[in-house]
Amino acid sequence: MPIPMPKMKTHSGAKKRFKRSASGKLRGRRAYSSHILEKKSQKRKRNMRRPVEIKKADEPRVNRLLGGK
């Protein structure tokens, strides 16, 4: 059975920003981590280095951008 055309393309910006974990969860960078860092505590900035799970409300949109269901 032929694949219907045109195919879905992965969003270039999204594929650079989000990763799917082995268990299927979406992970991305934390918000508020790129500027105005002087007033944020060391602990807060340190925790921002680690990626965070994408919120349930945003999952369908990110999935669609990544070419998922």
PDB file of N, CA and C in Angstrom:
ATOM      1  N   MET A   1       0.840  -1.191   0.000  1.00  0.00           N
ATOM      2  CA  MET A   1       0.000   0.000   0.000  1.00  0.00           C
ATOM      3  C   MET A   1       0.881   1.250   0.000  1.00  0.00           C
ATOM      4  N   PRO A   2       0.699   2.143  -0.966  1.00  0.00           N
ATOM      5  CA  PRO A   2       1.558   3.334  -1.042  1.00  0.00           C
ATOM      6  C   PRO A   2       1.281   4.317   0.086  1.00  0.00           C
ATOM      7  N   ILE A   3       2.317   5.056   0.452  1.00  0.00           N
ATOM      8  CA  ILE A   3       2.206   6.071   1.504  1.00  0.00           C
ATOM      9  C   ILE A   3       1.547   7.311   0.905  1.00  0.00           C
ATOM     10  N   PRO A   4       0.487   7.840   1.549  1.00  0.00           N
ATOM     11  CA  PRO A   4      -0.153   9.044   0.990  1.00  0.00           C
ATOM     12  C   PRO A   4       0.795  10.242   1.058  1.00  0.00           C
ATOM     13  N   MET A   5       0.770  11.048   0.037  1.00  0.00           N
ATOM     14  CA  MET A   5       1.643  12.202  -0.039  1.00  0.00           C
ATOM     15  C   MET A   5       0.836  13.456   0.220  1.00  0.00           C
ATOM     16  N   PRO A   6       1.383  14.564   0.626  1.00  0.00           N
ATOM     17  CA  PRO A   6       2.778  14.694   1.027  1.00  0.00           C
ATOM     18  C   PRO A   6       3.000  14.207   2.452  1.00  0.00           C
ATOM     19  N   LYS A   7       4.212  13.817   2.736  1.00  0.00           N
ATOM     20  CA  LYS A   7       4.549  13.335   4.079  1.00  0.00           C
ATOM     21  C   LYS A   7       4.630  14.515   5.048  1.00  0.00           C
ATOM     22  N   MET A   8       4.451  14.211   6.354  1.00  0.00           N
ATOM     23  CA  MET A   8       4.616  15.236   7.396  1.00  0.00           C
ATOM     24  C   MET A   8       6.100  15.517   7.543  1.00  0.00           C
ATOM     25  N   LYS A   9       6.470  16.768   7.625  1.00  0.00           N
ATOM     26  CA  LYS A   9       7.873  17.096   7.866  1.00  0.00           C
ATOM     27  C   LYS A   9       8.055  17.474   9.332  1.00  0.00           C
ATOM     28  N   THR A  10       9.181  17.046   9.895  1.00  0.00           N
ATOM     29  CA  THR A  10       9.520  17.409  11.269  1.00  0.00           C
ATOM     30  C   THR A  10       9.886  18.888  11.292  1.00  0.00           C
ATOM     31  N   HIS A  11       9.402  19.606  12.298  1.00  0.00           N
ATOM     32  CA  HIS A  11       9.702  21.030  12.456  1.00  0.00           C
ATOM     33  C   HIS A  11      11.168  21.175  12.871  1.00  0.00           C
ATOM     34  N   SER A  12      11.945  21.896  12.079  1.00  0.00           N
ATOM     35  CA  SER A  12      13.394  22.007  12.310  1.00  0.00           C
ATOM     36  C   SER A  12      13.733  22.588  13.674  1.00  0.00           C
ATOM     37  N   GLY A  13      12.979  23.621  14.093  1.00  0.00           N
ATOM     38  CA  GLY A  13      13.226  24.244  15.392  1.00  0.00           C
ATOM     39  C   GLY A  13      12.905  23.299  16.529  1.00  0.00           C
ATOM     40  N   ALA A  14      11.830  22.543  16.387  1.00  0.00           N
ATOM     41  CA  ALA A  14      11.395  21.631  17.449  1.00  0.00           C
ATOM     42  C   ALA A  14      12.382  20.473  17.631  1.00  0.00           C
ATOM     43  N   LYS A  15      12.913  19.956  16.534  1.00  0.00           N
ATOM     44  CA  LYS A  15      13.818  18.803  16.672  1.00  0.00           C
ATOM     45  C   LYS A  15      15.123  19.182  17.369  1.00  0.00           C
ATOM     46  N   LYS A  16      15.486  20.481  17.328  1.00  0.00           N
ATOM     47  CA  LYS A  16      16.689  20.941  18.028  1.00  0.00           C
ATOM     48  C   LYS A  16      16.422  21.202  19.506  1.00  0.00           C
ATOM     49  N   ARG A  17      15.147  21.449  19.850  1.00  0.00           N
ATOM     50  CA  ARG A  17      14.814  21.857  21.215  1.00  0.00           C
ATOM     51  C   ARG A  17      14.250  20.757  22.094  1.00  0.00           C
ATOM     52  N   PHE A  18      13.649  19.734  21.505  1.00  0.00           N
ATOM     53  CA  PHE A  18      12.988  18.684  22.284  1.00  0.00           C
ATOM     54  C   PHE A  18      13.550  17.322  21.959  1.00  0.00           C
ATOM     55  N   LYS A  19      13.604  16.462  22.992  1.00  0.00           N
ATOM     56  CA  LYS A  19      14.054  15.076  22.812  1.00  0.00           C
ATOM     57  C   LYS A  19      13.021  14.173  23.451  1.00  0.00           C
ATOM     58  N   ARG A  20      12.847  13.002  22.868  1.00  0.00           N
ATOM     59  CA  ARG A  20      11.962  12.014  23.459  1.00  0.00           C
ATOM     60  C   ARG A  20      12.817  11.061  24.286  1.00  0.00           C
ATOM     61  N   SER A  21      12.420  10.823  25.537  1.00  0.00           N
ATOM     62  CA  SER A  21      13.189   9.931  26.412  1.00  0.00           C
ATOM     63  C   SER A  21      12.905   8.485  26.015  1.00  0.00           C
ATOM     64  N   ALA A  22      13.659   7.548  26.578  1.00  0.00           N
ATOM     65  CA  ALA A  22      13.504   6.129  26.255  1.00  0.00           C
ATOM     66  C   ALA A  22      12.101   5.633  26.600  1.00  0.00           C
ATOM     67  N   SER A  23      11.503   6.216  27.648  1.00  0.00           N
ATOM     68  CA  SER A  23      10.163   5.791  28.050  1.00  0.00           C
ATOM     69  C   SER A  23       9.070   6.532  27.279  1.00  0.00           C
ATOM     70  N   GLY A  24       9.465   7.432  26.353  1.00  0.00           N
ATOM     71  CA  GLY A  24       8.494   8.108  25.505  1.00  0.00           C
ATOM     72  C   GLY A  24       8.092   9.492  25.968  1.00  0.00           C
ATOM     73  N   LYS A  25       8.641   9.943  27.090  1.00  0.00           N
ATOM     74  CA  LYS A  25       8.296  11.282  27.579  1.00  0.00           C
ATOM     75  C   LYS A  25       9.061  12.328  26.773  1.00  0.00           C
ATOM     76  N   LEU A  26       8.466  13.521  26.672  1.00  0.00           N
ATOM     77  CA  LEU A  26       9.124  14.619  25.967  1.00  0.00           C
ATOM     78  C   LEU A  26       9.889  15.469  26.959  1.00  0.00           C
ATOM     79  N   ARG A  27      11.128  15.811  26.587  1.00  0.00           N
ATOM     80  CA  ARG A  27      11.951  16.618  27.476  1.00  0.00           C
ATOM     81  C   ARG A  27      12.462  17.833  26.708  1.00  0.00           C
ATOM     82  N   GLY A  28      12.614  18.962  27.439  1.00  0.00           N
ATOM     83  CA  GLY A  28      13.098  20.182  26.813  1.00  0.00           C
ATOM     84  C   GLY A  28      13.765  21.068  27.837  1.00  0.00           C
ATOM     85  N   ARG A  29      14.307  22.177  27.367  1.00  0.00           N
ATOM     86  CA  ARG A  29      14.982  23.114  28.269  1.00  0.00           C
ATOM     87  C   ARG A  29      14.003  23.799  29.187  1.00  0.00           C
ATOM     88  N   ARG A  30      14.500  24.220  30.317  1.00  0.00           N
ATOM     89  CA  ARG A  30      13.679  24.909  31.302  1.00  0.00           C
ATOM     90  C   ARG A  30      13.460  26.368  30.895  1.00  0.00           C
ATOM     91  N   ALA A  31      12.325  26.906  31.256  1.00  0.00           N
ATOM     92  CA  ALA A  31      12.027  28.311  30.951  1.00  0.00           C
ATOM     93  C   ALA A  31      12.790  29.245  31.900  1.00  0.00           C
ATOM     94  N   TYR A  32      12.953  30.481  31.506  1.00  0.00           N
ATOM     95  CA  TYR A  32      13.595  31.548  32.309  1.00  0.00           C
ATOM     96  C   TYR A  32      15.064  31.265  32.615  1.00  0.00           C
ATOM     97  N   SER A  33      15.766  30.552  31.745  1.00  0.00           N
ATOM     98  CA  SER A  33      17.134  30.156  32.090  1.00  0.00           C
ATOM     99  C   SER A  33      18.210  30.852  31.262  1.00  0.00           C
ATOM    100  N   SER A  34      17.820  31.780  30.387  1.00  0.00           N
ATOM    101  CA  SER A  34      18.830  32.303  29.468  1.00  0.00           C
ATOM    102  C   SER A  34      19.331  33.712  29.759  1.00  0.00           C
ATOM    103  N   HIS A  35      18.559  34.540  30.454  1.00  0.00           N
ATOM    104  CA  HIS A  35      19.059  35.891  30.748  1.00  0.00           C
ATOM    105  C   HIS A  35      18.461  36.399  32.056  1.00  0.00           C
ATOM    106  N   ILE A  36      18.942  37.579  32.478  1.00  0.00           N
ATOM    107  CA  ILE A  36      18.607  38.146  33.803  1.00  0.00           C
ATOM    108  C   ILE A  36      18.946  37.111  34.884  1.00  0.00           C
ATOM    109  N   LEU A  37      20.201  36.655  34.873  1.00  0.00           N
ATOM    110  CA  LEU A  37      20.600  35.568  35.771  1.00  0.00           C
ATOM    111  C   LEU A  37      21.184  36.062  37.093  1.00  0.00           C
ATOM    112  N   GLU A  38      21.557  37.351  37.161  1.00  0.00           N
ATOM    113  CA  GLU A  38      22.202  37.857  38.377  1.00  0.00           C
ATOM    114  C   GLU A  38      21.312  37.746  39.601  1.00  0.00           C
ATOM    115  N   LYS A  39      20.021  37.999  39.421  1.00  0.00           N
ATOM    116  CA  LYS A  39      19.120  37.999  40.580  1.00  0.00           C
ATOM    117  C   LYS A  39      18.632  36.598  40.946  1.00  0.00           C
ATOM    118  N   LYS A  40      18.944  35.601  40.124  1.00  0.00           N
ATOM    119  CA  LYS A  40      18.515  34.228  40.416  1.00  0.00           C
ATOM    120  C   LYS A  40      19.588  33.536  41.252  1.00  0.00           C
ATOM    121  N   SER A  41      19.155  32.722  42.189  1.00  0.00           N
ATOM    122  CA  SER A  41      20.108  32.072  43.086  1.00  0.00           C
ATOM    123  C   SER A  41      20.912  30.996  42.349  1.00  0.00           C
ATOM    124  N   GLN A  42      22.081  30.656  42.896  1.00  0.00           N
ATOM    125  CA  GLN A  42      22.930  29.616  42.319  1.00  0.00           C
ATOM    126  C   GLN A  42      22.156  28.321  42.194  1.00  0.00           C
ATOM    127  N   LYS A  43      21.437  27.979  43.259  1.00  0.00           N
ATOM    128  CA  LYS A  43      20.681  26.720  43.287  1.00  0.00           C
ATOM    129  C   LYS A  43      19.659  26.680  42.147  1.00  0.00           C
ATOM    130  N   ARG A  44      18.972  27.790  41.967  1.00  0.00           N
ATOM    131  CA  ARG A  44      17.952  27.871  40.916  1.00  0.00           C
ATOM    132  C   ARG A  44      18.580  27.732  39.529  1.00  0.00           C
ATOM    133  N   LYS A  45      19.724  28.416  39.335  1.00  0.00           N
ATOM    134  CA  LYS A  45      20.411  28.359  38.040  1.00  0.00           C
ATOM    135  C   LYS A  45      20.971  26.963  37.772  1.00  0.00           C
ATOM    136  N   ARG A  46      21.467  26.333  38.820  1.00  0.00           N
ATOM    137  CA  ARG A  46      22.016  24.980  38.702  1.00  0.00           C
ATOM    138  C   ARG A  46      20.926  24.003  38.262  1.00  0.00           C
ATOM    139  N   ASN A  47      19.741  24.141  38.867  1.00  0.00           N
ATOM    140  CA  ASN A  47      18.626  23.261  38.524  1.00  0.00           C
ATOM    141  C   ASN A  47      18.122  23.490  37.104  1.00  0.00           C
ATOM    142  N   MET A  48      18.355  24.684  36.567  1.00  0.00           N
ATOM    143  CA  MET A  48      17.908  24.987  35.209  1.00  0.00           C
ATOM    144  C   MET A  48      18.740  24.295  34.142  1.00  0.00           C
ATOM    145  N   ARG A  49      19.915  23.780  34.521  1.00  0.00           N
ATOM    146  CA  ARG A  49      20.763  23.098  33.535  1.00  0.00           C
ATOM    147  C   ARG A  49      20.122  21.808  33.053  1.00  0.00           C
ATOM    148  N   ARG A  50      19.410  21.155  33.957  1.00  0.00           N
ATOM    149  CA  ARG A  50      18.821  19.853  33.619  1.00  0.00           C
ATOM    150  C   ARG A  50      17.544  20.028  32.815  1.00  0.00           C
ATOM    151  N   PRO A  51      17.346  19.210  31.787  1.00  0.00           N
ATOM    152  CA  PRO A  51      16.100  19.288  31.024  1.00  0.00           C
ATOM    153  C   PRO A  51      14.913  18.879  31.892  1.00  0.00           C
ATOM    154  N   VAL A  52      13.745  19.333  31.498  1.00  0.00           N
ATOM    155  CA  VAL A  52      12.546  19.078  32.282  1.00  0.00           C
ATOM    156  C   VAL A  52      11.488  18.447  31.378  1.00  0.00           C
ATOM    157  N   GLU A  53      10.578  17.696  31.965  1.00  0.00           N
ATOM    158  CA  GLU A  53       9.509  17.065  31.194  1.00  0.00           C
ATOM    159  C   GLU A  53       8.530  18.136  30.708  1.00  0.00           C
ATOM    160  N   ILE A  54       8.086  18.012  29.466  1.00  0.00           N
ATOM    161  CA  ILE A  54       7.146  18.959  28.882  1.00  0.00           C
ATOM    162  C   ILE A  54       5.778  18.782  29.548  1.00  0.00           C
ATOM    163  N   LYS A  55       5.089  19.887  29.811  1.00  0.00           N
ATOM    164  CA  LYS A  55       3.782  19.850  30.460  1.00  0.00           C
ATOM    165  C   LYS A  55       2.765  19.111  29.581  1.00  0.00           C
ATOM    166  N   LYS A  56       1.802  18.454  30.245  1.00  0.00           N
ATOM    167  CA  LYS A  56       0.767  17.677  29.546  1.00  0.00           C
ATOM    168  C   LYS A  56       0.024  18.511  28.516  1.00  0.00           C
ATOM    169  N   ALA A  57      -0.248  19.792  28.857  1.00  0.00           N
ATOM    170  CA  ALA A  57      -1.010  20.665  27.956  1.00  0.00           C
ATOM    171  C   ALA A  57      -0.255  20.938  26.654  1.00  0.00           C
ATOM    172  N   ASP A  58       1.080  20.933  26.697  1.00  0.00           N
ATOM    173  CA  ASP A  58       1.880  21.232  25.505  1.00  0.00           C
ATOM    174  C   ASP A  58       2.282  19.996  24.718  1.00  0.00           C
ATOM    175  N   GLU A  59       2.090  18.817  25.296  1.00  0.00           N
ATOM    176  CA  GLU A  59       2.529  17.574  24.647  1.00  0.00           C
ATOM    177  C   GLU A  59       1.959  17.369  23.248  1.00  0.00           C
ATOM    178  N   PRO A  60       0.630  17.526  23.033  1.00  0.00           N
ATOM    179  CA  PRO A  60       0.103  17.281  21.688  1.00  0.00           C
ATOM    180  C   PRO A  60       0.744  18.176  20.630  1.00  0.00           C
ATOM    181  N   ARG A  61       0.978  19.435  20.978  1.00  0.00           N
ATOM    182  CA  ARG A  61       1.575  20.375  20.022  1.00  0.00           C
ATOM    183  C   ARG A  61       3.004  19.974  19.683  1.00  0.00           C
ATOM    184  N   VAL A  62       3.802  19.647  20.711  1.00  0.00           N
ATOM    185  CA  VAL A  62       5.205  19.267  20.488  1.00  0.00           C
ATOM    186  C   VAL A  62       5.267  17.955  19.710  1.00  0.00           C
ATOM    187  N   ASN A  63       4.374  17.016  20.046  1.00  0.00           N
ATOM    188  CA  ASN A  63       4.308  15.743  19.307  1.00  0.00           C
ATOM    189  C   ASN A  63       4.064  15.980  17.830  1.00  0.00           C
ATOM    190  N   ARG A  64       3.128  16.874  17.522  1.00  0.00           N
ATOM    191  CA  ARG A  64       2.793  17.166  16.122  1.00  0.00           C
ATOM    192  C   ARG A  64       3.982  17.791  15.407  1.00  0.00           C
ATOM    193  N   LEU A  65       4.702  18.682  16.101  1.00  0.00           N
ATOM    194  CA  LEU A  65       5.869  19.330  15.483  1.00  0.00           C
ATOM    195  C   LEU A  65       6.986  18.316  15.217  1.00  0.00           C
ATOM    196  N   LEU A  66       7.073  17.307  16.075  1.00  0.00           N
ATOM    197  CA  LEU A  66       8.110  16.278  15.919  1.00  0.00           C
ATOM    198  C   LEU A  66       7.682  15.179  14.948  1.00  0.00           C
ATOM    199  N   GLY A  67       6.504  15.319  14.387  1.00  0.00           N
ATOM    200  CA  GLY A  67       6.046  14.338  13.400  1.00  0.00           C
ATOM    201  C   GLY A  67       5.419  13.105  14.029  1.00  0.00           C
ATOM    202  N   GLY A  68       5.044  13.202  15.300  1.00  0.00           N
ATOM    203  CA  GLY A  68       4.406  12.068  15.978  1.00  0.00           C
ATOM    204  C   GLY A  68       2.907  12.091  15.790  1.00  0.00           C
ATOM    205  N   LYS A  69       2.225  11.242  16.523  1.00  0.00           N
ATOM    206  CA  LYS A  69       0.768  11.143  16.403  1.00  0.00           C
ATOM    207  C   LYS A  69       0.066  12.204  17.201  1.00  0.00           C
TER     208      LYS A  69
END
